[in-house]
Structure formats: C-alpha cells, structure tokens
Amino acid sequence: MLKSTPFATSSAPTWAAQEAYLAIEQKPRDEAEKRLLEQARAYVQAHAHQADLRDLALALRELMGAGYLVGGGGSHVWMKRAQGAGDQAVPERLAIVADRLTTAFRDWFESKLPTGPRRSSRPEQSHVCQV
C-alpha cells in the first residue's frame, strides 16, 4: 500500500519578493484616523519585504479596528471605512498596500501623474503614443 506524501516539497512554487508600501488615497477625516493610518504605514514599512502582501492583512485588520474593512486582492491589501449607523457607505478605498516594484499608487495629497498622449522616449518611435 502506498503512503500519501505532503505537498510541501522543495519543488513547491515560490513567490517573487515584494516590497510593500501603504498609499493613503483619501484625506483622513480627523486626527484620530490620521494617527491610525500613520501607525498602519509604520507597520507596513517595518514589514516591507514580503513573499505575499496579503499576509499583512490580518495584522492591519487588528490595528485598524472595527470601524474599517480590510481585505486582500490578487496581490494587494485594501482598507475602507466601514459603514456606520446612519453613515453612508464609502465605496472608495481609504488606503492600499501594494508592491512598490510593480505599482505606483499615490497618497491623496500628491499630484496626479500626467495622462494622455505623450512622445515616445525611443528615438525610432517619433510618433505620439497613447498612455
């Protein structure tokens, strides 16, 4: 009779290293929320090198508390304000934890990156490229 073997072997897939950062996409509504988001940013900075950013979600959920929703996507963690009694739900993200090596989310107070047509940086492509 054959014995079953666990799947954890040296040939198990590994994830590329990710460098976590927190982008606060909405202005904090008060000083308490600002301090909470600063604590979240400090936590993410202290744990920046991750195999999977979603591993930060549980600690951030505990840090943010019951007034916030924290969840994960494919390779990021999002934070939203929870709907309170009488408050309207805020569908927009409050903040996002993403990989600095592959994304460019910005804080609410930073200027937006330019969009629209731009000239190619490659001399062989002198026509306008769409972004």
N, C-alpha and C. Protein backbone atom coordinates (compact mmCIF):
# COMPACT_ATOMS: atom_id res chain seq x y z
N MET A 1 0.83 -1.18 0.00
CA MET A 1 0.00 0.00 0.00
C MET A 1 0.88 1.25 0.00
N LEU A 2 0.55 2.24 -0.86
CA LEU A 2 1.32 3.47 -0.96
C LEU A 2 0.91 4.46 0.12
N LYS A 3 1.91 5.15 0.65
CA LYS A 3 1.64 6.19 1.62
C LYS A 3 1.49 7.52 0.89
N SER A 4 0.58 8.36 1.33
CA SER A 4 0.47 9.69 0.72
C SER A 4 1.56 10.58 1.29
N THR A 5 2.06 11.46 0.47
CA THR A 5 3.10 12.39 0.90
C THR A 5 2.55 13.80 0.89
N PRO A 6 3.01 14.64 1.78
CA PRO A 6 2.53 16.02 1.80
C PRO A 6 3.01 16.78 0.57
N PHE A 7 2.28 17.85 0.22
CA PHE A 7 2.64 18.64 -0.95
C PHE A 7 3.81 19.56 -0.71
N ALA A 8 4.16 19.80 0.53
CA ALA A 8 5.26 20.71 0.84
C ALA A 8 6.59 20.03 0.53
N THR A 9 7.09 20.27 -0.64
CA THR A 9 8.38 19.72 -1.05
C THR A 9 9.24 20.85 -1.56
N SER A 10 10.45 20.56 -1.89
CA SER A 10 11.35 21.59 -2.39
C SER A 10 10.93 22.10 -3.76
N SER A 11 10.04 21.40 -4.44
CA SER A 11 9.58 21.86 -5.75
C SER A 11 8.31 22.70 -5.66
N ALA A 12 7.89 23.05 -4.42
CA ALA A 12 6.70 23.89 -4.25
C ALA A 12 6.97 25.27 -4.85
N PRO A 13 5.94 25.91 -5.46
CA PRO A 13 6.16 27.21 -6.08
C PRO A 13 6.50 28.27 -5.04
N THR A 14 7.35 29.19 -5.42
CA THR A 14 7.70 30.31 -4.54
C THR A 14 7.30 31.61 -5.23
N TRP A 15 7.00 32.62 -4.44
CA TRP A 15 6.60 33.91 -4.96
C TRP A 15 7.81 34.83 -5.05
N ALA A 16 7.79 35.71 -6.01
CA ALA A 16 8.85 36.71 -6.12
C ALA A 16 8.74 37.66 -4.94
N ALA A 17 9.85 38.18 -4.50
CA ALA A 17 9.85 39.12 -3.37
C ALA A 17 9.04 40.36 -3.73
N GLN A 18 8.31 40.87 -2.75
CA GLN A 18 7.53 42.09 -2.93
C GLN A 18 7.98 43.11 -1.89
N GLU A 19 7.95 44.37 -2.26
CA GLU A 19 8.32 45.45 -1.36
C GLU A 19 7.07 46.26 -1.04
N ALA A 20 6.50 46.03 0.12
CA ALA A 20 5.22 46.63 0.49
C ALA A 20 5.35 48.13 0.80
N TYR A 21 4.32 48.88 0.42
CA TYR A 21 4.18 50.27 0.82
C TYR A 21 2.70 50.56 0.97
N LEU A 22 2.38 51.58 1.76
CA LEU A 22 1.00 51.97 2.01
C LEU A 22 0.75 53.32 1.36
N ALA A 23 -0.24 53.39 0.49
CA ALA A 23 -0.67 54.65 -0.11
C ALA A 23 -2.03 55.00 0.49
N ILE A 24 -2.12 56.18 1.09
CA ILE A 24 -3.36 56.66 1.68
C ILE A 24 -4.08 57.48 0.62
N GLU A 25 -5.16 56.95 0.08
CA GLU A 25 -5.80 57.55 -1.09
C GLU A 25 -6.86 58.59 -0.77
N GLN A 26 -7.30 58.66 0.47
CA GLN A 26 -8.29 59.67 0.85
C GLN A 26 -7.78 60.44 2.06
N LYS A 27 -8.17 61.70 2.13
CA LYS A 27 -7.78 62.54 3.25
C LYS A 27 -8.38 61.98 4.54
N PRO A 28 -7.55 61.82 5.59
CA PRO A 28 -8.09 61.36 6.87
C PRO A 28 -9.18 62.30 7.37
N ARG A 29 -10.26 61.75 7.94
CA ARG A 29 -11.38 62.59 8.35
C ARG A 29 -11.13 63.33 9.65
N ASP A 30 -10.18 62.87 10.46
CA ASP A 30 -9.85 63.56 11.71
C ASP A 30 -8.45 63.14 12.17
N GLU A 31 -8.01 63.73 13.28
CA GLU A 31 -6.67 63.44 13.80
C GLU A 31 -6.53 61.98 14.24
N ALA A 32 -7.59 61.41 14.80
CA ALA A 32 -7.52 60.01 15.24
C ALA A 32 -7.29 59.08 14.05
N GLU A 33 -8.01 59.32 12.94
CA GLU A 33 -7.81 58.48 11.76
C GLU A 33 -6.42 58.71 11.17
N LYS A 34 -5.95 59.94 11.22
CA LYS A 34 -4.61 60.25 10.71
C LYS A 34 -3.56 59.46 11.49
N ARG A 35 -3.68 59.44 12.83
CA ARG A 35 -2.72 58.69 13.65
C ARG A 35 -2.81 57.19 13.37
N LEU A 36 -4.02 56.69 13.19
CA LEU A 36 -4.21 55.27 12.89
C LEU A 36 -3.55 54.90 11.56
N LEU A 37 -3.72 55.74 10.56
CA LEU A 37 -3.10 55.48 9.25
C LEU A 37 -1.58 55.59 9.32
N GLU A 38 -1.08 56.51 10.15
CA GLU A 38 0.37 56.61 10.33
C GLU A 38 0.92 55.35 11.00
N GLN A 39 0.16 54.78 11.96
CA GLN A 39 0.57 53.52 12.59
C GLN A 39 0.56 52.39 11.56
N ALA A 40 -0.45 52.37 10.70
CA ALA A 40 -0.52 51.34 9.65
C ALA A 40 0.67 51.48 8.70
N ARG A 41 1.00 52.72 8.33
CA ARG A 41 2.14 52.94 7.44
C ARG A 41 3.44 52.48 8.10
N ALA A 42 3.62 52.78 9.38
CA ALA A 42 4.83 52.37 10.09
C ALA A 42 4.91 50.83 10.15
N TYR A 43 3.78 50.18 10.38
CA TYR A 43 3.76 48.71 10.41
C TYR A 43 4.16 48.14 9.05
N VAL A 44 3.59 48.68 7.98
CA VAL A 44 3.91 48.19 6.63
C VAL A 44 5.39 48.42 6.32
N GLN A 45 5.91 49.60 6.69
CA GLN A 45 7.33 49.88 6.44
C GLN A 45 8.23 48.92 7.22
N ALA A 46 7.82 48.56 8.43
CA ALA A 46 8.62 47.63 9.24
C ALA A 46 8.56 46.21 8.69
N HIS A 47 7.54 45.91 7.89
CA HIS A 47 7.36 44.57 7.32
C HIS A 47 7.32 44.64 5.79
N ALA A 48 8.15 45.49 5.22
CA ALA A 48 8.09 45.78 3.78
C ALA A 48 8.43 44.59 2.89
N HIS A 49 9.35 43.76 3.30
CA HIS A 49 9.79 42.66 2.44
C HIS A 49 8.91 41.44 2.70
N GLN A 50 8.07 41.12 1.73
CA GLN A 50 7.08 40.07 1.86
C GLN A 50 7.11 39.15 0.65
N ALA A 51 6.78 37.90 0.86
CA ALA A 51 6.57 36.98 -0.25
C ALA A 51 5.17 37.19 -0.82
N ASP A 52 4.21 37.51 0.06
CA ASP A 52 2.83 37.76 -0.36
C ASP A 52 2.28 38.88 0.51
N LEU A 53 1.96 40.01 -0.10
CA LEU A 53 1.49 41.18 0.65
C LEU A 53 0.22 40.90 1.44
N ARG A 54 -0.58 39.96 0.98
CA ARG A 54 -1.83 39.65 1.67
C ARG A 54 -1.59 39.10 3.07
N ASP A 55 -0.35 38.68 3.36
CA ASP A 55 -0.02 38.21 4.70
C ASP A 55 -0.09 39.35 5.73
N LEU A 56 -0.09 40.60 5.28
CA LEU A 56 -0.18 41.75 6.18
C LEU A 56 -1.62 42.05 6.59
N ALA A 57 -2.59 41.47 5.91
CA ALA A 57 -4.00 41.84 6.11
C ALA A 57 -4.49 41.60 7.53
N LEU A 58 -4.17 40.49 8.14
CA LEU A 58 -4.68 40.19 9.48
C LEU A 58 -4.19 41.21 10.50
N ALA A 59 -2.90 41.51 10.49
CA ALA A 59 -2.34 42.48 11.43
C ALA A 59 -2.94 43.87 11.20
N LEU A 60 -3.12 44.26 9.93
CA LEU A 60 -3.72 45.56 9.63
C LEU A 60 -5.18 45.60 10.06
N ARG A 61 -5.90 44.50 9.91
CA ARG A 61 -7.30 44.44 10.34
C ARG A 61 -7.39 44.65 11.85
N GLU A 62 -6.49 44.02 12.60
CA GLU A 62 -6.46 44.20 14.05
C GLU A 62 -6.08 45.62 14.43
N LEU A 63 -5.11 46.19 13.74
CA LEU A 63 -4.67 47.55 14.02
C LEU A 63 -5.76 48.57 13.73
N MET A 64 -6.44 48.44 12.60
CA MET A 64 -7.44 49.42 12.19
C MET A 64 -8.70 49.35 13.04
N GLY A 65 -9.09 48.17 13.48
CA GLY A 65 -10.25 48.04 14.35
C GLY A 65 -11.55 47.88 13.60
N ALA A 66 -12.65 47.88 14.37
CA ALA A 66 -13.98 47.58 13.83
C ALA A 66 -14.52 48.64 12.89
N GLY A 67 -14.02 49.83 12.92
CA GLY A 67 -14.53 50.89 12.05
C GLY A 67 -14.03 50.84 10.62
N TYR A 68 -13.24 49.81 10.31
CA TYR A 68 -12.63 49.72 8.98
C TYR A 68 -12.73 48.31 8.43
N LEU A 69 -12.85 48.21 7.14
CA LEU A 69 -12.83 46.94 6.44
C LEU A 69 -11.45 46.78 5.84
N VAL A 70 -10.85 45.61 5.99
CA VAL A 70 -9.53 45.32 5.43
C VAL A 70 -9.66 44.01 4.68
N GLY A 71 -9.25 44.00 3.43
CA GLY A 71 -9.33 42.79 2.62
C GLY A 71 -8.17 42.74 1.66
N GLY A 72 -8.08 41.65 0.95
CA GLY A 72 -6.99 41.47 0.02
C GLY A 72 -7.48 41.16 -1.38
N GLY A 73 -6.72 41.58 -2.35
CA GLY A 73 -6.99 41.23 -3.74
C GLY A 73 -5.93 40.24 -4.19
N GLY A 74 -5.66 40.23 -5.47
CA GLY A 74 -4.68 39.29 -6.01
C GLY A 74 -3.31 39.43 -5.40
N SER A 75 -2.83 40.64 -5.23
CA SER A 75 -1.51 40.86 -4.63
C SER A 75 -1.47 42.21 -3.93
N HIS A 76 -2.54 42.55 -3.26
CA HIS A 76 -2.58 43.80 -2.52
C HIS A 76 -3.54 43.67 -1.33
N VAL A 77 -3.51 44.65 -0.46
CA VAL A 77 -4.43 44.73 0.68
C VAL A 77 -5.10 46.09 0.61
N TRP A 78 -6.43 46.12 0.69
CA TRP A 78 -7.15 47.39 0.67
C TRP A 78 -7.79 47.66 2.02
N MET A 79 -8.00 48.96 2.30
CA MET A 79 -8.66 49.38 3.53
C MET A 79 -9.75 50.37 3.16
N LYS A 80 -10.93 50.18 3.75
CA LYS A 80 -12.06 51.08 3.54
C LYS A 80 -12.66 51.43 4.89
N ARG A 81 -13.35 52.56 4.94
CA ARG A 81 -14.11 52.89 6.13
C ARG A 81 -15.36 52.02 6.14
N ALA A 82 -15.68 51.44 7.30
CA ALA A 82 -16.89 50.62 7.42
C ALA A 82 -18.10 51.54 7.50
N GLN A 83 -19.23 51.02 7.08
CA GLN A 83 -20.48 51.78 7.15
C GLN A 83 -20.96 51.78 8.60
N GLY A 84 -21.21 52.97 9.13
CA GLY A 84 -21.71 53.07 10.50
C GLY A 84 -23.21 53.25 10.50
N ALA A 85 -23.79 53.32 11.66
CA ALA A 85 -25.23 53.54 11.78
C ALA A 85 -25.55 54.94 11.29
N GLY A 86 -26.26 55.11 10.26
CA GLY A 86 -26.61 56.42 9.73
C GLY A 86 -25.60 56.98 8.74
N ASP A 87 -24.38 56.46 8.73
CA ASP A 87 -23.40 56.89 7.74
C ASP A 87 -23.70 56.23 6.41
N GLN A 88 -23.35 56.90 5.34
CA GLN A 88 -23.46 56.26 4.04
C GLN A 88 -22.17 55.49 3.79
N ALA A 89 -22.30 54.38 3.13
CA ALA A 89 -21.13 53.57 2.81
C ALA A 89 -20.20 54.35 1.88
N VAL A 90 -18.90 54.25 2.12
CA VAL A 90 -17.91 54.89 1.27
C VAL A 90 -17.28 53.81 0.42
N PRO A 91 -17.65 53.73 -0.87
CA PRO A 91 -17.15 52.63 -1.69
C PRO A 91 -15.67 52.77 -2.06
N GLU A 92 -15.13 53.98 -1.99
CA GLU A 92 -13.74 54.16 -2.40
C GLU A 92 -12.80 53.64 -1.33
N ARG A 93 -11.65 53.20 -1.79
CA ARG A 93 -10.62 52.75 -0.85
C ARG A 93 -10.11 53.94 -0.05
N LEU A 94 -9.82 53.70 1.20
CA LEU A 94 -9.16 54.69 2.03
C LEU A 94 -7.65 54.58 1.81
N ALA A 95 -7.15 53.35 1.74
CA ALA A 95 -5.72 53.13 1.57
C ALA A 95 -5.50 51.77 0.93
N ILE A 96 -4.31 51.59 0.39
CA ILE A 96 -3.96 50.32 -0.24
C ILE A 96 -2.50 49.99 0.07
N VAL A 97 -2.25 48.72 0.34
CA VAL A 97 -0.89 48.20 0.48
C VAL A 97 -0.59 47.48 -0.82
N ALA A 98 0.47 47.89 -1.47
CA ALA A 98 0.82 47.31 -2.77
C ALA A 98 2.33 47.10 -2.86
N ASP A 99 2.77 46.54 -3.96
CA ASP A 99 4.18 46.26 -4.21
C ASP A 99 4.83 47.45 -4.90
N ARG A 100 5.80 48.04 -4.24
CA ARG A 100 6.50 49.22 -4.79
C ARG A 100 7.22 48.90 -6.11
N LEU A 101 7.57 47.63 -6.31
CA LEU A 101 8.31 47.25 -7.50
C LEU A 101 7.43 47.18 -8.75
N THR A 102 6.12 47.07 -8.57
CA THR A 102 5.24 46.89 -9.74
C THR A 102 4.07 47.87 -9.80
N THR A 103 3.89 48.73 -8.80
CA THR A 103 2.75 49.65 -8.80
C THR A 103 3.20 51.06 -8.45
N ALA A 104 2.29 52.01 -8.65
CA ALA A 104 2.60 53.42 -8.36
C ALA A 104 1.38 54.14 -7.80
N PHE A 105 0.77 53.58 -6.74
CA PHE A 105 -0.33 54.28 -6.09
C PHE A 105 0.23 55.49 -5.37
N ARG A 106 -0.60 56.53 -5.22
CA ARG A 106 -0.13 57.77 -4.63
C ARG A 106 -1.01 58.18 -3.46
N ASP A 107 -0.42 58.91 -2.51
CA ASP A 107 -1.19 59.47 -1.40
C ASP A 107 -2.13 60.55 -1.92
N TRP A 108 -3.19 60.82 -1.18
CA TRP A 108 -4.24 61.76 -1.59
C TRP A 108 -3.69 63.15 -1.85
N PHE A 109 -2.63 63.56 -1.16
CA PHE A 109 -2.11 64.93 -1.29
C PHE A 109 -1.06 65.07 -2.39
N GLU A 110 -0.63 63.98 -2.99
CA GLU A 110 0.37 64.03 -4.06
C GLU A 110 -0.31 64.35 -5.38
N SER A 111 0.40 65.05 -6.23
CA SER A 111 -0.16 65.39 -7.54
C SER A 111 -0.32 64.13 -8.39
N LYS A 112 -1.30 64.16 -9.26
CA LYS A 112 -1.57 63.03 -10.15
C LYS A 112 -0.47 62.95 -11.21
N LEU A 113 -0.22 61.73 -11.66
CA LEU A 113 0.72 61.54 -12.76
C LEU A 113 0.06 62.00 -14.05
N PRO A 114 0.82 62.60 -14.97
CA PRO A 114 0.21 63.03 -16.23
C PRO A 114 -0.32 61.84 -17.03
N THR A 115 -1.44 62.04 -17.70
CA THR A 115 -2.01 61.00 -18.54
C THR A 115 -2.25 61.57 -19.93
N GLY A 116 -2.63 60.74 -20.84
CA GLY A 116 -2.92 61.18 -22.20
C GLY A 116 -1.75 60.92 -23.12
N PRO A 117 -1.83 61.47 -24.34
CA PRO A 117 -0.76 61.22 -25.32
C PRO A 117 0.58 61.80 -24.85
N ARG A 118 1.64 61.10 -25.17
CA ARG A 118 2.99 61.59 -24.86
C ARG A 118 3.92 61.15 -25.98
N ARG A 119 5.02 61.83 -26.09
CA ARG A 119 6.03 61.46 -27.08
C ARG A 119 6.79 60.24 -26.58
N SER A 120 7.16 59.37 -27.47
CA SER A 120 7.92 58.20 -27.12
C SER A 120 9.33 58.61 -26.69
N SER A 121 9.90 57.89 -25.74
CA SER A 121 11.27 58.15 -25.32
C SER A 121 12.27 57.42 -26.21
N ARG A 122 11.76 56.64 -27.15
CA ARG A 122 12.63 55.91 -28.07
C ARG A 122 12.75 56.69 -29.37
N PRO A 123 13.97 57.01 -29.79
CA PRO A 123 14.16 57.84 -30.99
C PRO A 123 13.57 57.21 -32.26
N GLU A 124 13.54 55.88 -32.32
CA GLU A 124 13.00 55.23 -33.53
C GLU A 124 11.48 55.33 -33.58
N GLN A 125 10.87 55.77 -32.50
CA GLN A 125 9.41 55.94 -32.46
C GLN A 125 9.09 57.40 -32.22
N SER A 126 9.09 58.19 -33.25
CA SER A 126 8.88 59.62 -33.07
C SER A 126 7.41 60.00 -33.04
N HIS A 127 6.51 59.04 -33.27
CA HIS A 127 5.08 59.34 -33.25
C HIS A 127 4.58 59.41 -31.80
N VAL A 128 3.39 59.93 -31.61
CA VAL A 128 2.77 60.06 -30.30
C VAL A 128 2.22 58.72 -29.86
N CYS A 129 2.49 58.33 -28.61
CA CYS A 129 1.99 57.08 -28.05
C CYS A 129 0.79 57.38 -27.15
N GLN A 130 -0.15 56.49 -27.10
CA GLN A 130 -1.27 56.63 -26.17
C GLN A 130 -0.92 55.95 -24.86
N VAL A 131 -1.25 56.60 -23.75
CA VAL A 131 -0.98 56.03 -22.42
C VAL A 131 -2.29 55.56 -21.83
